[in-house]
Amino acid sequence: MKQLFGIIGLGRFGRSVAQRLIQLNKEVICIDKNEDIIRDLSEDITNIYQADCLDEKAMQEIGMSEVNVAVVSIGEDIETSIMAVAILHNLGVMNIYAKAVNVLHGRILAKVGAKRVIFPEKEMGENLANTLAGVDIIDYLGVNNSYIFAKIKPPKQFIGKTIKNLDIRNIYGINIIGIEKNRQLNINPNPNEVLEENDTLMAIGSKDDINKLIKL
């Protein structure tokens, strides 16, 4: 079942989360109350709405009650961000990530339902989107950071198959240098190793090739 992500607030941080998730072929619903922002992003984001995040009925009609993960990124308006988290929690959204401007704000967000509090100066929107999509970027390599060393979950098509049968290097242009299985890391895995759903792949490849693999 494909995950659905909800982004509330499309300032610099919220926008970067949304755009990166879309690059990773994830389904996203976005809302912001600013008409100019909606107009500017409408060509890039399909499911984008001008709405008041404090209007619980509107949030439900837009589809926010159906999202698997919500990101609340509402600038400096502390009261609105707290209320938005509380409304999402009331709608049944359990995985809520909320941006905080200070420690006290973060504590309140956690109290009203935020699963994780984000301090943007410490965590870029693109990095959060990678995390939400199941990608852990360990390091950037090569000229202009054109290659990525990352931890990724195996696509569904890979489950029950071996590295050798999948021919990952030749078909996908990616080198699997390790497999984390049951919290045990196996460096330079056997090509006949069968991939399982809970495995984590240690992969090196170009940004484009890693992104293609994530989208499978």
N, C-alpha and C. Protein backbone atom coordinates (compact mmCIF):
# COMPACT_ATOMS: atom_id res chain seq x y z
N MET A 1 0.85 -1.20 0.00
CA MET A 1 0.00 0.00 0.00
C MET A 1 0.88 1.25 0.00
N LYS A 2 0.59 2.16 -0.92
CA LYS A 2 1.40 3.35 -1.07
C LYS A 2 1.14 4.34 0.06
N GLN A 3 2.22 4.91 0.61
CA GLN A 3 2.08 5.87 1.69
C GLN A 3 1.62 7.21 1.16
N LEU A 4 0.84 7.92 2.00
CA LEU A 4 0.36 9.25 1.68
C LEU A 4 0.91 10.21 2.73
N PHE A 5 1.53 11.29 2.26
CA PHE A 5 2.15 12.28 3.15
C PHE A 5 1.37 13.59 3.09
N GLY A 6 1.19 14.22 4.24
CA GLY A 6 0.53 15.53 4.30
C GLY A 6 1.50 16.59 4.78
N ILE A 7 1.58 17.70 4.04
CA ILE A 7 2.47 18.81 4.42
C ILE A 7 1.60 20.04 4.70
N ILE A 8 1.73 20.59 5.89
CA ILE A 8 0.98 21.79 6.27
C ILE A 8 1.97 22.93 6.47
N GLY A 9 1.84 23.94 5.61
CA GLY A 9 2.77 25.07 5.64
C GLY A 9 3.85 24.89 4.59
N LEU A 10 3.87 25.78 3.61
CA LEU A 10 4.78 25.63 2.48
C LEU A 10 5.80 26.77 2.39
N GLY A 11 6.37 27.10 3.53
CA GLY A 11 7.53 27.98 3.54
C GLY A 11 8.73 27.21 3.01
N ARG A 12 9.91 27.73 3.23
CA ARG A 12 11.12 27.09 2.67
C ARG A 12 11.25 25.64 3.13
N PHE A 13 11.03 25.39 4.43
CA PHE A 13 11.21 24.04 4.96
C PHE A 13 10.14 23.08 4.44
N GLY A 14 8.88 23.46 4.58
CA GLY A 14 7.78 22.60 4.12
C GLY A 14 7.85 22.34 2.63
N ARG A 15 8.21 23.36 1.88
CA ARG A 15 8.33 23.21 0.43
C ARG A 15 9.42 22.21 0.07
N SER A 16 10.56 22.27 0.76
CA SER A 16 11.66 21.36 0.43
C SER A 16 11.29 19.92 0.77
N VAL A 17 10.53 19.72 1.86
CA VAL A 17 10.06 18.38 2.20
C VAL A 17 9.14 17.86 1.10
N ALA A 18 8.16 18.68 0.71
CA ALA A 18 7.20 18.27 -0.31
C ALA A 18 7.87 17.95 -1.64
N GLN A 19 8.75 18.83 -2.09
CA GLN A 19 9.38 18.65 -3.39
C GLN A 19 10.27 17.41 -3.43
N ARG A 20 10.97 17.16 -2.32
CA ARG A 20 11.83 15.97 -2.28
C ARG A 20 10.98 14.69 -2.26
N LEU A 21 9.90 14.68 -1.51
CA LEU A 21 9.03 13.50 -1.49
C LEU A 21 8.46 13.22 -2.87
N ILE A 22 8.10 14.28 -3.59
CA ILE A 22 7.58 14.11 -4.95
C ILE A 22 8.66 13.55 -5.87
N GLN A 23 9.90 14.03 -5.71
CA GLN A 23 11.02 13.48 -6.49
C GLN A 23 11.20 11.99 -6.24
N LEU A 24 10.86 11.56 -5.01
CA LEU A 24 11.00 10.15 -4.64
C LEU A 24 9.74 9.35 -4.96
N ASN A 25 8.84 9.98 -5.76
CA ASN A 25 7.64 9.31 -6.25
C ASN A 25 6.65 8.98 -5.13
N LYS A 26 6.60 9.84 -4.12
CA LYS A 26 5.67 9.67 -3.03
C LYS A 26 4.42 10.54 -3.26
N GLU A 27 3.30 10.07 -2.76
CA GLU A 27 2.05 10.81 -2.91
C GLU A 27 1.93 11.83 -1.78
N VAL A 28 1.66 13.08 -2.15
CA VAL A 28 1.70 14.18 -1.17
C VAL A 28 0.46 15.04 -1.29
N ILE A 29 -0.10 15.44 -0.14
CA ILE A 29 -1.15 16.45 -0.06
C ILE A 29 -0.56 17.66 0.68
N CYS A 30 -0.67 18.85 0.09
CA CYS A 30 -0.09 20.05 0.69
C CYS A 30 -1.14 21.12 0.89
N ILE A 31 -1.05 21.84 2.01
CA ILE A 31 -1.93 22.99 2.21
C ILE A 31 -1.15 24.18 2.76
N ASP A 32 -1.62 25.35 2.40
CA ASP A 32 -1.08 26.60 2.93
C ASP A 32 -2.19 27.64 2.80
N LYS A 33 -2.22 28.62 3.67
CA LYS A 33 -3.27 29.63 3.61
C LYS A 33 -2.92 30.77 2.66
N ASN A 34 -1.65 30.82 2.21
CA ASN A 34 -1.19 31.91 1.35
C ASN A 34 -1.49 31.62 -0.12
N GLU A 35 -2.32 32.44 -0.72
CA GLU A 35 -2.74 32.23 -2.11
C GLU A 35 -1.56 32.32 -3.08
N ASP A 36 -0.63 33.23 -2.83
CA ASP A 36 0.53 33.38 -3.72
C ASP A 36 1.40 32.13 -3.72
N ILE A 37 1.59 31.54 -2.55
CA ILE A 37 2.39 30.31 -2.47
C ILE A 37 1.71 29.17 -3.22
N ILE A 38 0.40 29.07 -3.06
CA ILE A 38 -0.35 28.01 -3.77
C ILE A 38 -0.20 28.18 -5.27
N ARG A 39 -0.31 29.41 -5.74
CA ARG A 39 -0.20 29.67 -7.17
C ARG A 39 1.20 29.35 -7.68
N ASP A 40 2.21 29.72 -6.91
CA ASP A 40 3.60 29.48 -7.34
C ASP A 40 3.93 28.00 -7.44
N LEU A 41 3.33 27.18 -6.56
CA LEU A 41 3.69 25.76 -6.49
C LEU A 41 2.71 24.83 -7.19
N SER A 42 1.63 25.39 -7.72
CA SER A 42 0.57 24.55 -8.27
C SER A 42 1.02 23.72 -9.47
N GLU A 43 2.03 24.19 -10.21
CA GLU A 43 2.51 23.42 -11.36
C GLU A 43 3.40 22.25 -10.92
N ASP A 44 4.02 22.38 -9.77
CA ASP A 44 4.93 21.34 -9.28
C ASP A 44 4.25 20.32 -8.38
N ILE A 45 3.20 20.75 -7.69
CA ILE A 45 2.52 19.88 -6.72
C ILE A 45 1.07 19.73 -7.15
N THR A 46 0.66 18.50 -7.40
CA THR A 46 -0.70 18.24 -7.90
C THR A 46 -1.76 18.46 -6.83
N ASN A 47 -1.59 17.83 -5.69
CA ASN A 47 -2.58 17.92 -4.62
C ASN A 47 -2.20 19.03 -3.64
N ILE A 48 -2.49 20.27 -4.06
CA ILE A 48 -2.14 21.44 -3.24
C ILE A 48 -3.39 22.29 -3.05
N TYR A 49 -3.62 22.74 -1.81
CA TYR A 49 -4.87 23.42 -1.49
C TYR A 49 -4.61 24.65 -0.64
N GLN A 50 -5.39 25.70 -0.92
CA GLN A 50 -5.39 26.87 -0.04
C GLN A 50 -6.44 26.60 1.03
N ALA A 51 -6.01 26.52 2.27
CA ALA A 51 -6.95 26.16 3.34
C ALA A 51 -6.41 26.61 4.68
N ASP A 52 -7.32 26.71 5.64
CA ASP A 52 -6.96 27.06 7.02
C ASP A 52 -6.75 25.75 7.78
N CYS A 53 -5.54 25.53 8.26
CA CYS A 53 -5.24 24.27 8.95
C CYS A 53 -5.96 24.15 10.28
N LEU A 54 -6.60 25.22 10.74
CA LEU A 54 -7.36 25.16 11.98
C LEU A 54 -8.83 24.81 11.74
N ASP A 55 -9.20 24.66 10.47
CA ASP A 55 -10.55 24.25 10.10
C ASP A 55 -10.57 22.73 9.97
N GLU A 56 -11.00 22.05 11.04
CA GLU A 56 -10.92 20.59 11.07
C GLU A 56 -11.75 19.95 9.96
N LYS A 57 -12.90 20.51 9.67
CA LYS A 57 -13.75 19.96 8.61
C LYS A 57 -13.06 20.07 7.25
N ALA A 58 -12.45 21.22 6.98
CA ALA A 58 -11.73 21.41 5.71
C ALA A 58 -10.55 20.45 5.60
N MET A 59 -9.84 20.27 6.70
CA MET A 59 -8.70 19.35 6.71
C MET A 59 -9.15 17.94 6.37
N GLN A 60 -10.29 17.54 6.91
CA GLN A 60 -10.80 16.20 6.65
C GLN A 60 -11.24 16.06 5.20
N GLU A 61 -11.91 17.08 4.68
CA GLU A 61 -12.39 17.04 3.29
C GLU A 61 -11.23 16.99 2.30
N ILE A 62 -10.15 17.68 2.61
CA ILE A 62 -8.97 17.67 1.74
C ILE A 62 -8.29 16.30 1.73
N GLY A 63 -8.42 15.57 2.84
CA GLY A 63 -7.84 14.23 2.90
C GLY A 63 -6.76 14.08 3.94
N MET A 64 -6.60 15.08 4.81
CA MET A 64 -5.54 15.00 5.81
C MET A 64 -5.76 13.88 6.82
N SER A 65 -7.01 13.46 7.00
CA SER A 65 -7.28 12.36 7.94
C SER A 65 -6.82 11.02 7.38
N GLU A 66 -6.49 10.97 6.08
CA GLU A 66 -6.08 9.73 5.43
C GLU A 66 -4.56 9.58 5.32
N VAL A 67 -3.81 10.62 5.70
CA VAL A 67 -2.36 10.55 5.51
C VAL A 67 -1.72 9.60 6.52
N ASN A 68 -0.64 8.96 6.08
CA ASN A 68 0.12 8.10 6.98
C ASN A 68 1.09 8.91 7.83
N VAL A 69 1.62 9.98 7.22
CA VAL A 69 2.58 10.84 7.90
C VAL A 69 2.24 12.29 7.59
N ALA A 70 2.24 13.14 8.61
CA ALA A 70 2.00 14.57 8.41
C ALA A 70 3.21 15.37 8.90
N VAL A 71 3.52 16.43 8.16
CA VAL A 71 4.59 17.35 8.55
C VAL A 71 3.98 18.73 8.74
N VAL A 72 4.06 19.26 9.95
CA VAL A 72 3.53 20.59 10.24
C VAL A 72 4.69 21.57 10.24
N SER A 73 4.69 22.45 9.23
CA SER A 73 5.80 23.39 9.05
C SER A 73 5.24 24.80 8.96
N ILE A 74 4.84 25.34 10.10
CA ILE A 74 4.16 26.64 10.12
C ILE A 74 5.02 27.69 10.80
N GLY A 75 6.00 28.16 10.14
CA GLY A 75 6.79 29.32 10.53
C GLY A 75 6.83 29.67 12.00
N GLU A 76 6.63 30.93 12.28
CA GLU A 76 6.76 31.46 13.63
C GLU A 76 5.44 31.48 14.39
N ASP A 77 4.35 31.04 13.78
CA ASP A 77 3.04 31.09 14.44
C ASP A 77 2.91 29.89 15.37
N ILE A 78 3.39 30.05 16.58
CA ILE A 78 3.46 28.94 17.53
C ILE A 78 2.08 28.39 17.86
N GLU A 79 1.13 29.27 18.13
CA GLU A 79 -0.21 28.83 18.51
C GLU A 79 -0.86 28.01 17.40
N THR A 80 -0.72 28.49 16.16
CA THR A 80 -1.33 27.77 15.03
C THR A 80 -0.69 26.40 14.84
N SER A 81 0.62 26.32 14.98
CA SER A 81 1.28 25.03 14.79
C SER A 81 0.85 24.03 15.86
N ILE A 82 0.68 24.49 17.09
CA ILE A 82 0.23 23.61 18.18
C ILE A 82 -1.19 23.12 17.90
N MET A 83 -2.06 24.02 17.48
CA MET A 83 -3.44 23.65 17.19
C MET A 83 -3.52 22.70 16.00
N ALA A 84 -2.68 22.93 15.00
CA ALA A 84 -2.68 22.06 13.81
C ALA A 84 -2.29 20.63 14.17
N VAL A 85 -1.28 20.51 15.04
CA VAL A 85 -0.87 19.17 15.49
C VAL A 85 -2.01 18.51 16.26
N ALA A 86 -2.65 19.25 17.14
CA ALA A 86 -3.75 18.70 17.93
C ALA A 86 -4.90 18.25 17.03
N ILE A 87 -5.20 19.02 16.00
CA ILE A 87 -6.28 18.66 15.07
C ILE A 87 -5.92 17.40 14.29
N LEU A 88 -4.69 17.33 13.80
CA LEU A 88 -4.26 16.12 13.08
C LEU A 88 -4.35 14.89 13.97
N HIS A 89 -3.91 15.04 15.20
CA HIS A 89 -3.98 13.93 16.16
C HIS A 89 -5.43 13.52 16.38
N ASN A 90 -6.32 14.49 16.47
CA ASN A 90 -7.74 14.22 16.66
C ASN A 90 -8.34 13.53 15.44
N LEU A 91 -7.77 13.79 14.25
CA LEU A 91 -8.24 13.16 13.02
C LEU A 91 -7.71 11.73 12.87
N GLY A 92 -6.85 11.32 13.80
CA GLY A 92 -6.34 9.96 13.77
C GLY A 92 -4.98 9.79 13.15
N VAL A 93 -4.30 10.91 12.86
CA VAL A 93 -2.95 10.83 12.28
C VAL A 93 -1.96 10.61 13.43
N MET A 94 -1.27 9.48 13.39
CA MET A 94 -0.39 9.13 14.49
C MET A 94 1.07 9.56 14.25
N ASN A 95 1.48 9.61 13.00
CA ASN A 95 2.86 9.98 12.68
C ASN A 95 2.93 11.44 12.27
N ILE A 96 3.11 12.31 13.25
CA ILE A 96 3.13 13.76 13.01
C ILE A 96 4.53 14.29 13.32
N TYR A 97 5.13 14.95 12.33
CA TYR A 97 6.41 15.62 12.49
C TYR A 97 6.13 17.12 12.49
N ALA A 98 6.60 17.83 13.50
CA ALA A 98 6.25 19.24 13.62
C ALA A 98 7.49 20.10 13.84
N LYS A 99 7.53 21.23 13.13
CA LYS A 99 8.64 22.17 13.25
C LYS A 99 8.46 23.05 14.49
N ALA A 100 9.53 23.20 15.26
CA ALA A 100 9.48 24.03 16.46
C ALA A 100 10.50 25.16 16.35
N VAL A 101 10.20 26.27 17.01
CA VAL A 101 11.12 27.41 16.98
C VAL A 101 12.00 27.46 18.22
N ASN A 102 11.60 26.73 19.26
CA ASN A 102 12.43 26.67 20.47
C ASN A 102 12.06 25.42 21.26
N VAL A 103 12.79 25.17 22.33
CA VAL A 103 12.62 23.94 23.11
C VAL A 103 11.23 23.87 23.75
N LEU A 104 10.77 24.97 24.33
CA LEU A 104 9.45 24.97 24.97
C LEU A 104 8.35 24.68 23.94
N HIS A 105 8.43 25.32 22.80
CA HIS A 105 7.48 25.06 21.72
C HIS A 105 7.50 23.57 21.38
N GLY A 106 8.69 22.99 21.29
CA GLY A 106 8.81 21.58 20.97
C GLY A 106 8.16 20.68 22.00
N ARG A 107 8.32 21.02 23.25
CA ARG A 107 7.72 20.21 24.32
C ARG A 107 6.20 20.22 24.23
N ILE A 108 5.64 21.38 23.93
CA ILE A 108 4.17 21.48 23.81
C ILE A 108 3.69 20.68 22.61
N LEU A 109 4.41 20.77 21.49
CA LEU A 109 4.04 20.01 20.29
C LEU A 109 4.02 18.52 20.59
N ALA A 110 5.00 18.05 21.35
CA ALA A 110 5.05 16.62 21.71
C ALA A 110 3.86 16.25 22.60
N LYS A 111 3.47 17.16 23.49
CA LYS A 111 2.36 16.90 24.41
C LYS A 111 1.04 16.74 23.66
N VAL A 112 0.85 17.52 22.58
CA VAL A 112 -0.44 17.49 21.89
C VAL A 112 -0.48 16.48 20.74
N GLY A 113 0.63 15.75 20.51
CA GLY A 113 0.53 14.67 19.53
C GLY A 113 1.65 14.51 18.54
N ALA A 114 2.64 15.40 18.56
CA ALA A 114 3.74 15.26 17.60
C ALA A 114 4.61 14.06 17.97
N LYS A 115 4.84 13.19 16.99
CA LYS A 115 5.71 12.04 17.21
C LYS A 115 7.17 12.48 17.26
N ARG A 116 7.49 13.46 16.43
CA ARG A 116 8.87 13.96 16.40
C ARG A 116 8.86 15.47 16.19
N VAL A 117 9.68 16.15 16.95
CA VAL A 117 9.80 17.61 16.83
C VAL A 117 11.07 17.92 16.06
N ILE A 118 10.95 18.85 15.11
CA ILE A 118 12.06 19.18 14.21
C ILE A 118 12.50 20.62 14.45
N PHE A 119 13.81 20.80 14.55
CA PHE A 119 14.38 22.13 14.61
C PHE A 119 15.10 22.37 13.28
N PRO A 120 14.50 23.17 12.38
CA PRO A 120 14.99 23.29 11.01
C PRO A 120 16.45 23.68 10.87
N GLU A 121 16.96 24.46 11.82
CA GLU A 121 18.37 24.85 11.72
C GLU A 121 19.28 23.63 11.88
N LYS A 122 18.75 22.54 12.44
CA LYS A 122 19.53 21.32 12.62
C LYS A 122 19.20 20.27 11.58
N GLU A 123 18.06 20.39 10.94
CA GLU A 123 17.62 19.34 10.03
C GLU A 123 16.98 19.95 8.79
N MET A 124 17.63 19.84 7.66
CA MET A 124 17.10 20.39 6.42
C MET A 124 15.87 19.61 5.97
N GLY A 125 14.98 20.29 5.24
CA GLY A 125 13.77 19.65 4.75
C GLY A 125 14.04 18.46 3.87
N GLU A 126 15.05 18.55 3.02
CA GLU A 126 15.36 17.43 2.12
C GLU A 126 15.80 16.21 2.92
N ASN A 127 16.58 16.43 3.97
CA ASN A 127 17.01 15.31 4.80
C ASN A 127 15.84 14.65 5.50
N LEU A 128 14.88 15.45 5.96
CA LEU A 128 13.69 14.88 6.59
C LEU A 128 12.91 14.06 5.58
N ALA A 129 12.73 14.58 4.36
CA ALA A 129 12.00 13.85 3.32
C ALA A 129 12.67 12.51 3.03
N ASN A 130 14.00 12.50 2.96
CA ASN A 130 14.72 11.24 2.76
C ASN A 130 14.40 10.25 3.87
N THR A 131 14.40 10.73 5.11
CA THR A 131 14.10 9.87 6.25
C THR A 131 12.68 9.32 6.15
N LEU A 132 11.72 10.17 5.82
CA LEU A 132 10.33 9.73 5.71
C LEU A 132 10.16 8.69 4.62
N ALA A 133 10.94 8.82 3.55
CA ALA A 133 10.84 7.89 2.42
C ALA A 133 11.66 6.62 2.64
N GLY A 134 12.32 6.51 3.79
CA GLY A 134 13.07 5.29 4.09
C GLY A 134 14.49 5.29 3.58
N VAL A 135 15.04 6.50 3.37
CA VAL A 135 16.42 6.62 2.88
C VAL A 135 17.26 7.31 3.94
N ASP A 136 18.39 6.71 4.26
CA ASP A 136 19.32 7.31 5.22
C ASP A 136 20.61 7.63 4.47
N ILE A 137 20.79 8.91 4.12
CA ILE A 137 21.99 9.32 3.40
C ILE A 137 23.16 9.39 4.39
N ILE A 138 24.14 8.52 4.21
CA ILE A 138 25.28 8.49 5.11
C ILE A 138 26.33 9.51 4.71
N ASP A 139 26.59 9.61 3.39
CA ASP A 139 27.62 10.54 2.93
C ASP A 139 27.42 10.83 1.45
N TYR A 140 27.91 11.98 1.02
CA TYR A 140 27.94 12.35 -0.39
C TYR A 140 29.36 12.20 -0.89
N LEU A 141 29.52 11.62 -2.07
CA LEU A 141 30.84 11.29 -2.59
C LEU A 141 31.03 11.88 -3.98
N GLY A 142 32.29 11.91 -4.42
CA GLY A 142 32.60 12.29 -5.79
C GLY A 142 32.55 13.78 -6.04
N VAL A 143 32.87 14.15 -7.27
CA VAL A 143 32.85 15.55 -7.69
C VAL A 143 31.42 16.07 -7.64
N ASN A 144 31.24 17.25 -7.05
CA ASN A 144 29.93 17.89 -6.92
C ASN A 144 28.93 17.00 -6.16
N ASN A 145 29.45 16.14 -5.28
CA ASN A 145 28.58 15.26 -4.48
C ASN A 145 27.63 14.46 -5.36
N SER A 146 28.14 13.98 -6.49
CA SER A 146 27.28 13.31 -7.48
C SER A 146 26.96 11.86 -7.11
N TYR A 147 27.67 11.30 -6.13
CA TYR A 147 27.40 9.93 -5.69
C TYR A 147 26.96 9.92 -4.22
N ILE A 148 26.17 8.90 -3.87
CA ILE A 148 25.60 8.81 -2.53
C ILE A 148 25.94 7.47 -1.91
N PHE A 149 26.30 7.51 -0.64
CA PHE A 149 26.43 6.30 0.17
C PHE A 149 25.22 6.31 1.10
N ALA A 150 24.31 5.34 0.94
CA ALA A 150 23.04 5.41 1.64
C ALA A 150 22.61 4.05 2.18
N LYS A 151 21.74 4.12 3.20
CA LYS A 151 21.06 2.93 3.70
C LYS A 151 19.62 2.99 3.19
N ILE A 152 19.17 1.96 2.48
CA ILE A 152 17.83 1.97 1.90
C ILE A 152 17.14 0.63 2.16
N LYS A 153 15.83 0.67 2.19
CA LYS A 153 15.06 -0.56 2.30
C LYS A 153 14.93 -1.18 0.92
N PRO A 154 14.99 -2.51 0.80
CA PRO A 154 14.86 -3.13 -0.52
C PRO A 154 13.46 -2.94 -1.09
N PRO A 155 13.34 -2.57 -2.36
CA PRO A 155 12.01 -2.46 -2.99
C PRO A 155 11.28 -3.80 -2.92
N LYS A 156 9.95 -3.75 -3.00
CA LYS A 156 9.15 -4.98 -2.90
C LYS A 156 9.56 -6.02 -3.93
N GLN A 157 9.97 -5.53 -5.13
CA GLN A 157 10.36 -6.45 -6.20
C GLN A 157 11.60 -7.26 -5.85
N PHE A 158 12.37 -6.78 -4.85
CA PHE A 158 13.62 -7.45 -4.49
C PHE A 158 13.42 -8.55 -3.44
N ILE A 159 12.29 -8.49 -2.71
CA ILE A 159 12.08 -9.41 -1.60
C ILE A 159 12.00 -10.85 -2.09
N GLY A 160 12.78 -11.73 -1.43
CA GLY A 160 12.78 -13.14 -1.79
C GLY A 160 13.71 -13.50 -2.92
N LYS A 161 14.46 -12.50 -3.41
CA LYS A 161 15.39 -12.74 -4.50
C LYS A 161 16.82 -12.50 -4.03
N THR A 162 17.77 -13.03 -4.77
CA THR A 162 19.17 -12.85 -4.41
C THR A 162 19.78 -11.66 -5.15
N ILE A 163 20.88 -11.16 -4.62
CA ILE A 163 21.60 -10.07 -5.27
C ILE A 163 22.04 -10.50 -6.67
N LYS A 164 22.48 -11.74 -6.76
CA LYS A 164 22.95 -12.27 -8.04
C LYS A 164 21.83 -12.31 -9.06
N ASN A 165 20.67 -12.83 -8.69
CA ASN A 165 19.55 -12.92 -9.62
C ASN A 165 19.03 -11.55 -10.04
N LEU A 166 19.08 -10.62 -9.11
CA LEU A 166 18.60 -9.26 -9.42
C LEU A 166 19.57 -8.51 -10.32
N ASP A 167 20.85 -8.91 -10.30
CA ASP A 167 21.89 -8.26 -11.11
C ASP A 167 21.86 -6.74 -10.88
N ILE A 168 21.87 -6.38 -9.60
CA ILE A 168 21.66 -4.98 -9.20
C ILE A 168 22.70 -4.04 -9.81
N ARG A 169 23.95 -4.45 -9.83
CA ARG A 169 25.00 -3.56 -10.34
C ARG A 169 24.79 -3.23 -11.82
N ASN A 170 24.51 -4.25 -12.63
CA ASN A 170 24.38 -4.03 -14.08
C ASN A 170 23.06 -3.38 -14.46
N ILE A 171 21.97 -3.78 -13.80
CA ILE A 171 20.65 -3.27 -14.18
C ILE A 171 20.38 -1.90 -13.56
N TYR A 172 20.78 -1.71 -12.30
CA TYR A 172 20.43 -0.49 -11.59
C TYR A 172 21.63 0.46 -11.38
N GLY A 173 22.84 0.00 -11.71
CA GLY A 173 24.02 0.85 -11.57
C GLY A 173 24.41 1.13 -10.14
N ILE A 174 24.04 0.22 -9.22
CA ILE A 174 24.28 0.44 -7.80
C ILE A 174 25.07 -0.72 -7.22
N ASN A 175 26.02 -0.40 -6.37
CA ASN A 175 26.80 -1.42 -5.68
C ASN A 175 26.25 -1.63 -4.27
N ILE A 176 25.89 -2.86 -3.95
CA ILE A 176 25.47 -3.21 -2.59
C ILE A 176 26.70 -3.70 -1.84
N ILE A 177 27.16 -2.90 -0.88
CA ILE A 177 28.40 -3.26 -0.18
C ILE A 177 28.13 -3.89 1.18
N GLY A 178 26.87 -3.91 1.58
CA GLY A 178 26.55 -4.53 2.86
C GLY A 178 25.05 -4.72 3.01
N ILE A 179 24.66 -5.66 3.87
CA ILE A 179 23.25 -5.89 4.20
C ILE A 179 23.13 -5.96 5.71
N GLU A 180 22.23 -5.14 6.25
CA GLU A 180 21.94 -5.17 7.68
C GLU A 180 20.72 -6.05 7.89
N LYS A 181 20.89 -7.17 8.60
CA LYS A 181 19.82 -8.13 8.80
C LYS A 181 19.75 -8.46 10.29
N ASN A 182 18.58 -8.23 10.88
CA ASN A 182 18.40 -8.48 12.31
C ASN A 182 19.47 -7.77 13.15
N ARG A 183 19.74 -6.52 12.76
CA ARG A 183 20.70 -5.64 13.45
C ARG A 183 22.14 -6.12 13.33
N GLN A 184 22.37 -7.06 12.45
CA GLN A 184 23.73 -7.54 12.18
C GLN A 184 24.14 -7.09 10.79
N LEU A 185 25.29 -6.40 10.69
CA LEU A 185 25.75 -5.89 9.41
C LEU A 185 26.72 -6.87 8.77
N ASN A 186 26.40 -7.27 7.55
CA ASN A 186 27.25 -8.16 6.78
C ASN A 186 27.89 -7.37 5.65
N ILE A 187 29.19 -7.08 5.78
CA ILE A 187 29.91 -6.34 4.75
C ILE A 187 30.31 -7.30 3.63
N ASN A 188 30.22 -6.81 2.38
CA ASN A 188 30.54 -7.62 1.20
C ASN A 188 29.72 -8.92 1.20
N PRO A 189 28.39 -8.80 1.12
CA PRO A 189 27.51 -9.96 1.24
C PRO A 189 27.66 -10.96 0.10
N ASN A 190 27.33 -12.21 0.38
CA ASN A 190 27.33 -13.26 -0.63
C ASN A 190 26.30 -12.94 -1.71
N PRO A 191 26.65 -13.06 -2.99
CA PRO A 191 25.70 -12.75 -4.07
C PRO A 191 24.43 -13.61 -4.01
N ASN A 192 24.51 -14.76 -3.31
CA ASN A 192 23.35 -15.64 -3.20
C ASN A 192 22.51 -15.35 -1.97
N GLU A 193 22.83 -14.26 -1.28
CA GLU A 193 22.05 -13.84 -0.11
C GLU A 193 20.63 -13.46 -0.54
N VAL A 194 19.63 -14.05 0.10
CA VAL A 194 18.23 -13.75 -0.22
C VAL A 194 17.79 -12.52 0.57
N LEU A 195 17.23 -11.54 -0.13
CA LEU A 195 16.80 -10.30 0.52
C LEU A 195 15.44 -10.48 1.19
N GLU A 196 15.32 -9.94 2.40
CA GLU A 196 14.08 -10.04 3.16
C GLU A 196 13.51 -8.65 3.42
N GLU A 197 12.23 -8.61 3.77
CA GLU A 197 11.52 -7.33 3.90
C GLU A 197 12.16 -6.39 4.91
N ASN A 198 12.68 -6.91 6.01
CA ASN A 198 13.22 -6.07 7.07
C ASN A 198 14.72 -5.80 6.92
N ASP A 199 15.30 -6.23 5.80
CA ASP A 199 16.71 -5.96 5.55
C ASP A 199 16.94 -4.48 5.25
N THR A 200 18.16 -4.03 5.46
CA THR A 200 18.57 -2.69 5.04
C THR A 200 19.81 -2.85 4.16
N LEU A 201 19.77 -2.23 2.99
CA LEU A 201 20.88 -2.33 2.05
C LEU A 201 21.83 -1.15 2.21
N MET A 202 23.12 -1.43 2.27
CA MET A 202 24.13 -0.38 2.25
C MET A 202 24.55 -0.23 0.79
N ALA A 203 24.20 0.90 0.19
CA ALA A 203 24.36 1.04 -1.26
C ALA A 203 25.17 2.28 -1.63
N ILE A 204 25.93 2.15 -2.73
CA ILE A 204 26.64 3.29 -3.31
C ILE A 204 26.22 3.42 -4.76
N GLY A 205 25.87 4.63 -5.17
CA GLY A 205 25.48 4.87 -6.55
C GLY A 205 25.31 6.34 -6.81
N SER A 206 25.04 6.69 -8.04
CA SER A 206 24.79 8.10 -8.37
C SER A 206 23.46 8.53 -7.75
N LYS A 207 23.29 9.83 -7.59
CA LYS A 207 22.02 10.34 -7.06
C LYS A 207 20.86 9.85 -7.90
N ASP A 208 21.01 9.91 -9.22
CA ASP A 208 19.92 9.50 -10.11
C ASP A 208 19.59 8.03 -9.96
N ASP A 209 20.62 7.18 -9.87
CA ASP A 209 20.38 5.74 -9.76
C ASP A 209 19.76 5.38 -8.41
N ILE A 210 20.24 6.02 -7.35
CA ILE A 210 19.64 5.78 -6.03
C ILE A 210 18.18 6.20 -6.03
N ASN A 211 17.88 7.36 -6.61
CA ASN A 211 16.49 7.83 -6.67
C ASN A 211 15.61 6.89 -7.46
N LYS A 212 16.12 6.36 -8.58
CA LYS A 212 15.35 5.41 -9.38
C LYS A 212 15.02 4.16 -8.59
N LEU A 213 15.99 3.69 -7.81
CA LEU A 213 15.78 2.48 -7.03
C LEU A 213 14.72 2.72 -5.94
N ILE A 214 14.76 3.87 -5.31
CA ILE A 214 13.80 4.20 -4.27
C ILE A 214 12.38 4.24 -4.83
N LYS A 215 12.24 4.65 -6.09
CA LYS A 215 10.92 4.81 -6.68
C LYS A 215 10.27 3.49 -7.12
N LEU A 216 11.05 2.39 -7.11
CA LEU A 216 10.50 1.11 -7.54
C LEU A 216 9.36 0.65 -6.64
